[in-house]
Amino acid sequence: MINYLEGKLVVKDPTYVVVDINGIGYEAKISLITYSAIKNLDAGKIYTHLHIKEDAHTLYGFAEESEKRRFLDLISISGVGPSTGLMILSSLSPEELQQAILSDDVKTIQGVKGIGLKGAQRIVLELKDKMKKEGLLEKAGELIPSSHNTLRSEALSALTTLGIAKPAAEKSIDIILKQHGQQIKLEELIKLALKRA
């Protein structure tokens, strides 16, 4: 099992990172929380989970061990796969997720794309006791604002990778950029667009 990767962060995208270790590039899928933490780093440590299926071995990466634990909690639930786990962690911060679970706020979790009422109820039911035993998770770092075009293209790339149709993603992004201007952070833009899509 690959517990973590430490090396040069040669590619940093809102949905994946490539870590160069002695000339070998390891690609890991990441959440927006991890992206915001590593965006401005040249090198670092990424905590990983290797998910093995018949047709693929996929590496998932996290800037903090606490986020990795939350991801593992999510995918331990029946009906919540790794893609859904990343979608949840890209739409809700660990703090927001924890607050929603502890306050039985099924509606907030249901607001994540791909999560229905039964799935949201299952997440609350199965993780509530675990959450009560844990303290608050660390907050991810803040992003430096990007230029309008880079911000738009990075958000569009992330949304299409997360399964949003390109026309719907473009429409949502443009509406949000008109409302909030260029100072909005990338992860916030993607979160708002996910809620609109």
Protein backbone atom coordinates (compact mmCIF):
# COMPACT_ATOMS: atom_id res chain seq x y z
CA MET A 1 0.00 0.00 0.00
CA ILE A 2 1.27 3.50 -0.85
CA ASN A 3 0.80 5.61 2.29
CA TYR A 4 2.19 8.90 0.94
CA LEU A 5 4.20 10.46 -1.88
CA GLU A 6 6.86 13.10 -1.23
CA GLY A 7 8.52 14.95 -4.08
CA LYS A 8 8.16 17.69 -6.69
CA LEU A 9 4.57 18.71 -7.51
CA VAL A 10 5.04 18.95 -11.28
CA VAL A 11 1.34 19.23 -12.24
CA LYS A 12 -1.29 20.84 -9.98
CA ASP A 13 -4.83 20.77 -11.35
CA PRO A 14 -8.05 21.26 -9.33
CA THR A 15 -8.79 17.54 -9.83
CA TYR A 16 -5.37 15.85 -9.81
CA VAL A 17 -1.70 16.26 -8.96
CA VAL A 18 1.43 14.65 -10.43
CA VAL A 19 4.25 14.04 -7.93
CA ASP A 20 7.73 13.47 -9.39
CA ILE A 21 9.77 11.08 -7.26
CA ASN A 22 13.21 10.29 -8.71
CA GLY A 23 12.00 10.77 -12.28
CA ILE A 24 8.75 8.81 -11.93
CA GLY A 25 5.50 10.80 -12.04
CA TYR A 26 2.72 9.52 -9.80
CA GLU A 27 -0.76 10.87 -10.58
CA ALA A 28 -3.28 11.17 -7.76
CA LYS A 29 -6.85 12.44 -7.91
CA ILE A 30 -7.47 15.21 -5.39
CA SER A 31 -10.26 17.34 -3.90
CA LEU A 32 -10.48 21.13 -4.00
CA ILE A 33 -9.38 21.21 -0.36
CA THR A 34 -6.09 19.55 -1.26
CA TYR A 35 -5.72 21.69 -4.39
CA SER A 36 -6.07 24.88 -2.35
CA ALA A 37 -3.39 23.63 0.07
CA ILE A 38 -0.83 22.65 -2.59
CA LYS A 39 -1.50 25.17 -5.38
CA ASN A 40 1.44 27.41 -4.50
CA LEU A 41 3.90 24.67 -3.47
CA ASP A 42 6.73 23.35 -5.66
CA ALA A 43 7.24 20.23 -3.57
CA GLY A 44 5.49 18.49 -0.72
CA LYS A 45 3.96 15.40 0.81
CA ILE A 46 0.67 13.97 -0.43
CA TYR A 47 -1.05 11.33 1.73
CA THR A 48 -2.54 8.67 -0.51
CA HIS A 49 -5.11 5.92 -0.78
CA LEU A 50 -4.79 3.32 -3.56
CA HIS A 51 -8.22 2.19 -4.74
CA ILE A 52 -8.12 -1.10 -6.65
CA LYS A 53 -10.84 -2.26 -9.02
CA GLU A 54 -10.76 -4.95 -11.70
CA ASP A 55 -10.16 -2.44 -14.48
CA ALA A 56 -8.12 0.26 -12.68
CA HIS A 57 -5.73 1.08 -9.88
CA THR A 58 -6.42 4.71 -8.91
CA LEU A 59 -4.42 6.79 -6.46
CA TYR A 60 -6.24 9.44 -4.39
CA GLY A 61 -4.21 12.17 -2.72
CA PHE A 62 -4.70 14.47 0.26
CA ALA A 63 -2.69 17.37 1.68
CA GLU A 64 -3.64 16.43 5.24
CA GLU A 65 -4.00 13.05 6.96
CA SER A 66 -7.28 14.31 8.47
CA GLU A 67 -8.81 14.76 5.00
CA LYS A 68 -7.64 11.28 4.03
CA ARG A 69 -9.35 9.86 7.13
CA ARG A 70 -12.59 11.67 6.22
CA PHE A 71 -12.37 10.29 2.66
CA LEU A 72 -11.87 6.76 4.01
CA ASP A 73 -14.87 7.27 6.32
CA LEU A 74 -17.01 8.30 3.34
CA ILE A 75 -16.01 5.43 1.06
CA SER A 76 -16.62 2.92 3.85
CA ILE A 77 -20.34 3.70 3.46
CA SER A 78 -22.31 1.46 1.11
CA GLY A 79 -23.07 3.34 -2.11
CA VAL A 80 -20.35 5.99 -1.64
CA GLY A 81 -17.46 5.39 -4.04
CA PRO A 82 -14.17 7.30 -4.33
CA SER A 83 -15.51 9.71 -6.98
CA THR A 84 -18.49 10.55 -4.76
CA GLY A 85 -16.16 10.94 -1.76
CA LEU A 86 -14.04 13.46 -3.69
CA MET A 87 -17.18 15.25 -4.92
CA ILE A 88 -18.37 15.64 -1.32
CA LEU A 89 -14.96 16.92 -0.18
CA SER A 90 -14.89 19.34 -3.13
CA SER A 91 -18.37 20.69 -2.36
CA LEU A 92 -18.17 20.82 1.44
CA SER A 93 -15.14 21.51 3.60
CA PRO A 94 -14.47 18.85 6.28
CA GLU A 95 -15.80 21.36 8.83
CA GLU A 96 -19.03 21.91 6.86
CA LEU A 97 -19.45 18.16 6.39
CA GLN A 98 -18.88 17.52 10.09
CA GLN A 99 -21.32 20.27 11.09
CA ALA A 100 -23.97 18.92 8.70
CA ILE A 101 -23.59 15.40 10.06
CA LEU A 102 -23.61 16.42 13.73
CA SER A 103 -26.71 18.60 13.26
CA ASP A 104 -28.56 16.00 11.13
CA ASP A 105 -28.53 18.49 8.24
CA VAL A 106 -29.36 15.99 5.49
CA LYS A 107 -30.32 18.82 3.10
CA THR A 108 -26.78 20.25 2.98
CA ILE A 109 -25.27 16.86 2.13
CA GLN A 110 -28.05 16.21 -0.36
CA GLY A 111 -27.01 19.47 -2.07
CA VAL A 112 -23.85 17.74 -3.34
CA LYS A 113 -24.18 16.59 -6.96
CA GLY A 114 -24.95 12.87 -7.11
CA ILE A 115 -26.12 12.53 -3.50
CA GLY A 116 -29.79 11.65 -3.08
CA LEU A 117 -31.92 11.76 0.05
CA LYS A 118 -31.22 8.14 1.04
CA GLY A 119 -27.48 8.55 0.45
CA ALA A 120 -27.35 11.72 2.55
CA GLN A 121 -29.33 10.04 5.35
CA ARG A 122 -26.96 7.05 5.26
CA ILE A 123 -23.90 9.32 5.53
CA VAL A 124 -25.38 11.11 8.57
CA LEU A 125 -26.44 7.86 10.22
CA GLU A 126 -23.16 6.01 9.71
CA LEU A 127 -20.71 8.85 10.45
CA LYS A 128 -22.43 10.73 13.30
CA ASP A 129 -20.88 8.66 16.10
CA LYS A 130 -17.41 8.85 14.53
CA MET A 131 -17.71 12.63 14.18
CA LYS A 132 -18.73 13.06 17.82
CA LYS A 133 -15.50 11.36 18.90
CA GLU A 134 -13.29 13.55 16.72
CA GLY A 135 -12.32 17.21 17.07
CA LEU A 136 -12.68 19.74 14.28
CA LEU A 137 -10.54 19.13 11.21
CA GLU A 138 -7.84 21.57 10.20
CA LYS A 139 -8.84 24.23 7.71
CA ALA A 140 -7.25 24.13 4.30
CA GLY A 141 -5.09 27.05 3.17
CA GLU A 142 -6.40 29.98 1.16
CA LEU A 143 -5.79 30.50 -2.51
CA ILE A 144 -4.22 33.55 -4.06
CA PRO A 145 -6.77 35.00 -6.54
CA SER A 146 -6.15 34.00 -10.15
CA SER A 147 -6.75 36.04 -13.27
CA HIS A 148 -10.27 35.88 -14.73
CA ASN A 149 -9.44 33.66 -17.72
CA THR A 150 -7.25 31.24 -15.78
CA LEU A 151 -9.85 31.09 -13.01
CA ARG A 152 -12.64 30.36 -15.51
CA SER A 153 -10.69 27.69 -17.42
CA GLU A 154 -9.47 25.95 -14.25
CA ALA A 155 -12.99 25.93 -12.81
CA LEU A 156 -14.41 24.62 -16.10
CA SER A 157 -11.80 21.86 -16.24
CA ALA A 158 -12.58 20.81 -12.65
CA LEU A 159 -16.35 20.81 -13.19
CA THR A 160 -16.20 18.76 -16.40
CA THR A 161 -13.84 16.28 -14.69
CA LEU A 162 -16.37 15.99 -11.85
CA GLY A 163 -19.04 15.03 -14.39
CA ILE A 164 -20.84 18.33 -15.07
CA ALA A 165 -21.77 18.88 -18.73
CA LYS A 166 -19.60 21.61 -20.30
CA PRO A 167 -22.46 23.94 -21.37
CA ALA A 168 -24.05 23.80 -17.90
CA ALA A 169 -20.66 24.33 -16.24
CA GLU A 170 -19.85 27.34 -18.44
CA LYS A 171 -23.25 28.92 -17.74
CA SER A 172 -22.90 28.45 -13.97
CA ILE A 173 -19.32 29.80 -13.92
CA ASP A 174 -20.22 32.89 -15.96
CA ILE A 175 -23.20 33.73 -13.72
CA ILE A 176 -21.10 33.33 -10.55
CA LEU A 177 -18.20 35.41 -11.97
CA LYS A 178 -20.66 38.22 -12.83
CA GLN A 179 -22.02 38.15 -9.27
CA HIS A 180 -18.71 37.84 -7.40
CA GLY A 181 -16.09 39.31 -9.76
CA GLN A 182 -12.52 38.15 -10.24
CA GLN A 183 -11.61 38.14 -6.55
CA ILE A 184 -13.50 34.88 -5.88
CA LYS A 185 -11.25 31.95 -4.96
CA LEU A 186 -11.16 28.99 -7.33
CA GLU A 187 -12.47 26.44 -4.85
CA GLU A 188 -15.34 28.77 -3.88
CA LEU A 189 -16.24 29.28 -7.54
CA ILE A 190 -16.30 25.52 -8.11
CA LYS A 191 -18.36 24.90 -4.96
CA LEU A 192 -20.96 27.47 -6.02
CA ALA A 193 -21.07 26.11 -9.56
CA LEU A 194 -21.55 22.55 -8.23
CA LYS A 195 -24.54 23.73 -6.21
CA ARG A 196 -26.05 25.42 -9.28
CA ALA A 197 -25.45 22.51 -11.68
